[in-house]
Amino acid sequence: MKHYKESQLVSVELTLNGVDRQAYSETRTLLSDFLRHELGVTGTHVGCEHGVCGACTVQVDGVAVRSCLLLAVQAQGCKVDTVEGMGDSAEGCLSDLQAAFQRHHALQCGYCTAGILMSCDHYLRQVPHPNERQVKEMLSGHLCRCTGYRNIVDAVLEVVATRQNGKRMEDKNV
């Protein structure tokens, strides 16, 4: 493990949403703050700053993590994905998960939405066919004061069903 001096300014290089990025950071800077303030990616929100609320969830090397619990220097050389990288930004298209959230109004104030989307995306890659109980259990790691979670669960289950049906259609076309 690399050791840094306190408050040392270091270069952090990572791949952010598929693009190589580099910026300087103090060794004590949290990944959430680095993303927002140094790299200008503001979709990642900071709620509790203790890893409890899940608003700051991003994916590091494909794994959902709380960016308020990770130092920016710990992401050195990693692949970091945020909500901004979910859809096809060049085409202005939402991912299937984002579109389902929109259809089901699975957000209200939207503060926690980016973190929930990032966790859902990671979870569905790990568990592609969850049932309602499993989705609710996964969401238990997030705090949302506005939605009551019902619409979020419905959106995730719609994506699961759509992906299953799409896979079945692809299998038939082979």
Protein backbone atom coordinates (compact mmCIF):
# COMPACT_ATOMS: atom_id res chain seq x y z
CA MET A 1 0.00 0.00 0.00
CA LYS A 2 1.34 3.38 -0.96
CA HIS A 3 1.89 5.84 1.89
CA TYR A 4 1.32 9.57 1.53
CA LYS A 5 2.21 12.50 3.68
CA GLU A 6 -0.70 14.28 5.32
CA SER A 7 -2.27 16.91 3.04
CA GLN A 8 0.17 16.06 0.25
CA LEU A 9 -1.07 17.08 -3.20
CA VAL A 10 -0.95 14.12 -5.60
CA SER A 11 -2.00 13.40 -9.15
CA VAL A 12 -4.94 11.00 -9.36
CA GLU A 13 -5.46 9.28 -12.70
CA LEU A 14 -8.56 7.18 -13.32
CA THR A 15 -11.01 6.25 -16.02
CA LEU A 16 -14.25 8.14 -15.42
CA ASN A 17 -17.27 6.92 -17.38
CA GLY A 18 -14.95 5.49 -20.03
CA VAL A 19 -12.72 8.58 -20.35
CA ASP A 20 -9.21 8.81 -18.90
CA ARG A 21 -9.09 11.70 -16.45
CA GLN A 22 -6.45 13.22 -14.22
CA ALA A 23 -6.56 15.89 -11.52
CA TYR A 24 -4.70 16.82 -8.37
CA SER A 25 -6.03 15.99 -4.96
CA GLU A 26 -4.99 16.24 -1.36
CA THR A 27 -4.45 12.79 0.09
CA ARG A 28 -7.35 13.30 2.52
CA THR A 29 -9.91 14.22 -0.18
CA LEU A 30 -12.86 11.86 -0.45
CA LEU A 31 -13.67 10.35 -3.83
CA SER A 32 -17.11 12.00 -3.71
CA ASP A 33 -15.55 15.45 -3.31
CA PHE A 34 -12.89 14.71 -5.93
CA LEU A 35 -15.54 13.72 -8.48
CA ARG A 36 -17.69 16.77 -7.78
CA HIS A 37 -15.10 19.49 -7.23
CA GLU A 38 -12.05 18.43 -9.24
CA LEU A 39 -13.63 16.52 -12.12
CA GLY A 40 -16.94 18.42 -12.29
CA VAL A 41 -19.16 15.33 -12.17
CA THR A 42 -21.99 16.53 -9.95
CA GLY A 43 -24.50 13.68 -10.30
CA THR A 44 -22.89 12.00 -7.31
CA HIS A 45 -24.48 13.54 -4.23
CA VAL A 46 -23.20 13.58 -0.68
CA GLY A 47 -25.82 13.00 1.98
CA CYS A 48 -24.73 11.69 5.35
CA GLU A 49 -20.93 11.55 4.78
CA HIS A 50 -20.91 8.30 6.79
CA GLY A 51 -21.81 5.74 4.11
CA VAL A 52 -25.28 5.16 5.52
CA CYS A 53 -27.61 6.93 3.07
CA GLY A 54 -26.19 5.64 -0.23
CA ALA A 55 -26.61 8.93 -2.12
CA CYS A 56 -22.92 8.95 -3.04
CA THR A 57 -22.84 5.44 -4.52
CA VAL A 58 -20.67 5.04 -7.61
CA GLN A 59 -19.04 2.00 -9.17
CA VAL A 60 -15.33 1.41 -8.85
CA ASP A 61 -14.04 -1.35 -11.10
CA GLY A 62 -17.64 -2.50 -11.53
CA VAL A 63 -18.52 -2.67 -7.84
CA ALA A 64 -20.97 -0.32 -6.14
CA VAL A 65 -19.19 1.63 -3.39
CA ARG A 66 -19.90 4.61 -1.18
CA SER A 67 -17.68 7.36 -2.56
CA CYS A 68 -17.82 9.24 0.75
CA LEU A 69 -15.92 6.34 2.38
CA LEU A 70 -13.18 6.11 -0.22
CA LEU A 71 -10.27 8.48 -0.65
CA ALA A 72 -9.63 9.78 -4.15
CA VAL A 73 -6.07 8.40 -4.04
CA GLN A 74 -7.53 4.93 -3.47
CA ALA A 75 -9.19 5.16 -6.89
CA GLN A 76 -5.83 5.69 -8.59
CA GLY A 77 -5.82 3.67 -11.83
CA CYS A 78 -9.38 2.45 -11.32
CA LYS A 79 -12.41 2.53 -13.57
CA VAL A 80 -15.00 4.80 -11.91
CA ASP A 81 -18.56 4.97 -13.22
CA THR A 82 -21.13 7.53 -12.13
CA VAL A 83 -24.75 8.14 -13.08
CA GLU A 84 -23.59 10.44 -15.89
CA GLY A 85 -22.12 7.41 -17.65
CA MET A 86 -25.22 5.20 -17.51
CA GLY A 87 -27.04 6.26 -20.67
CA ASP A 88 -25.69 7.17 -24.07
CA SER A 89 -24.92 10.84 -23.47
CA ALA A 90 -23.83 11.37 -27.09
CA GLU A 91 -27.28 10.27 -28.23
CA GLY A 92 -29.09 11.79 -25.26
CA CYS A 93 -30.55 8.38 -24.40
CA LEU A 94 -31.30 7.05 -20.96
CA SER A 95 -30.34 3.54 -19.92
CA ASP A 96 -33.21 1.09 -19.56
CA LEU A 97 -32.99 1.49 -15.78
CA GLN A 98 -33.09 5.30 -15.95
CA ALA A 99 -36.02 5.18 -18.37
CA ALA A 100 -37.94 2.82 -16.06
CA PHE A 101 -37.31 5.18 -13.14
CA GLN A 102 -38.73 7.98 -15.26
CA ARG A 103 -41.80 5.98 -16.35
CA HIS A 104 -42.58 4.87 -12.79
CA HIS A 105 -41.77 8.26 -11.26
CA ALA A 106 -39.28 6.43 -9.06
CA LEU A 107 -37.88 9.71 -7.82
CA GLN A 108 -39.18 12.89 -6.35
CA CYS A 109 -36.58 15.34 -5.15
CA GLY A 110 -33.96 13.18 -6.92
CA TYR A 111 -31.20 13.65 -4.37
CA CYS A 112 -30.74 9.94 -3.70
CA THR A 113 -31.62 8.78 -7.22
CA ALA A 114 -28.11 8.66 -8.70
CA GLY A 115 -26.83 6.46 -5.89
CA ILE A 116 -29.85 4.17 -6.10
CA LEU A 117 -29.42 3.83 -9.87
CA MET A 118 -25.76 2.93 -9.47
CA SER A 119 -26.57 0.28 -6.84
CA CYS A 120 -29.43 -1.13 -8.94
CA ASP A 121 -27.21 -1.32 -12.02
CA HIS A 122 -24.51 -3.20 -10.10
CA TYR A 123 -27.04 -5.47 -8.40
CA LEU A 124 -28.79 -6.45 -11.63
CA ARG A 125 -25.46 -7.48 -13.12
CA GLN A 126 -24.89 -9.73 -10.09
CA VAL A 127 -28.50 -10.95 -9.70
CA PRO A 128 -30.22 -10.60 -13.09
CA HIS A 129 -33.53 -12.17 -12.01
CA PRO A 130 -34.30 -10.93 -8.48
CA ASN A 131 -37.74 -11.15 -6.94
CA GLU A 132 -39.47 -8.28 -5.16
CA ARG A 133 -38.12 -9.25 -1.74
CA GLN A 134 -34.56 -9.32 -3.05
CA VAL A 135 -34.93 -5.90 -4.68
CA LYS A 136 -36.31 -4.47 -1.43
CA GLU A 137 -33.43 -6.01 0.51
CA MET A 138 -30.90 -4.46 -1.88
CA LEU A 139 -32.61 -1.07 -1.55
CA SER A 140 -32.43 -1.27 2.24
CA GLY A 141 -28.92 0.18 1.94
CA HIS A 142 -30.38 3.47 0.71
CA LEU A 143 -32.30 6.20 2.45
CA CYS A 144 -34.95 8.06 0.52
CA ARG A 145 -37.29 10.47 2.26
CA CYS A 146 -39.58 11.16 -0.69
CA THR A 147 -40.62 8.06 -2.62
CA GLY A 148 -41.59 5.35 -0.17
CA TYR A 149 -39.59 2.99 -2.44
CA ARG A 150 -42.66 1.38 -4.10
CA ASN A 151 -42.09 3.08 -7.45
CA ILE A 152 -38.39 2.25 -7.32
CA VAL A 153 -39.15 -1.42 -6.74
CA ASP A 154 -41.68 -1.37 -9.60
CA ALA A 155 -39.14 0.24 -11.94
CA VAL A 156 -36.44 -2.32 -11.12
CA LEU A 157 -38.86 -5.23 -11.55
CA GLU A 158 -39.97 -3.82 -14.91
CA VAL A 159 -36.36 -3.76 -16.08
CA VAL A 160 -35.89 -7.35 -14.90
CA ALA A 161 -38.99 -8.47 -16.81
CA THR A 162 -38.06 -6.51 -19.94
CA ARG A 163 -34.53 -7.87 -19.95
CA GLN A 164 -35.83 -11.43 -19.49
CA ASN A 165 -38.31 -10.99 -22.34
CA GLY A 166 -35.67 -9.40 -24.55
CA LYS A 167 -33.28 -12.27 -23.87
CA ARG A 168 -36.00 -14.77 -24.74
CA MET A 169 -36.65 -12.91 -28.01
CA GLU A 170 -32.92 -12.92 -28.83
CA ASP A 171 -32.76 -16.66 -28.13
CA LYS A 172 -35.66 -17.28 -30.53
CA ASN A 173 -33.97 -15.24 -33.27
CA VAL A 174 -30.79 -17.32 -33.16
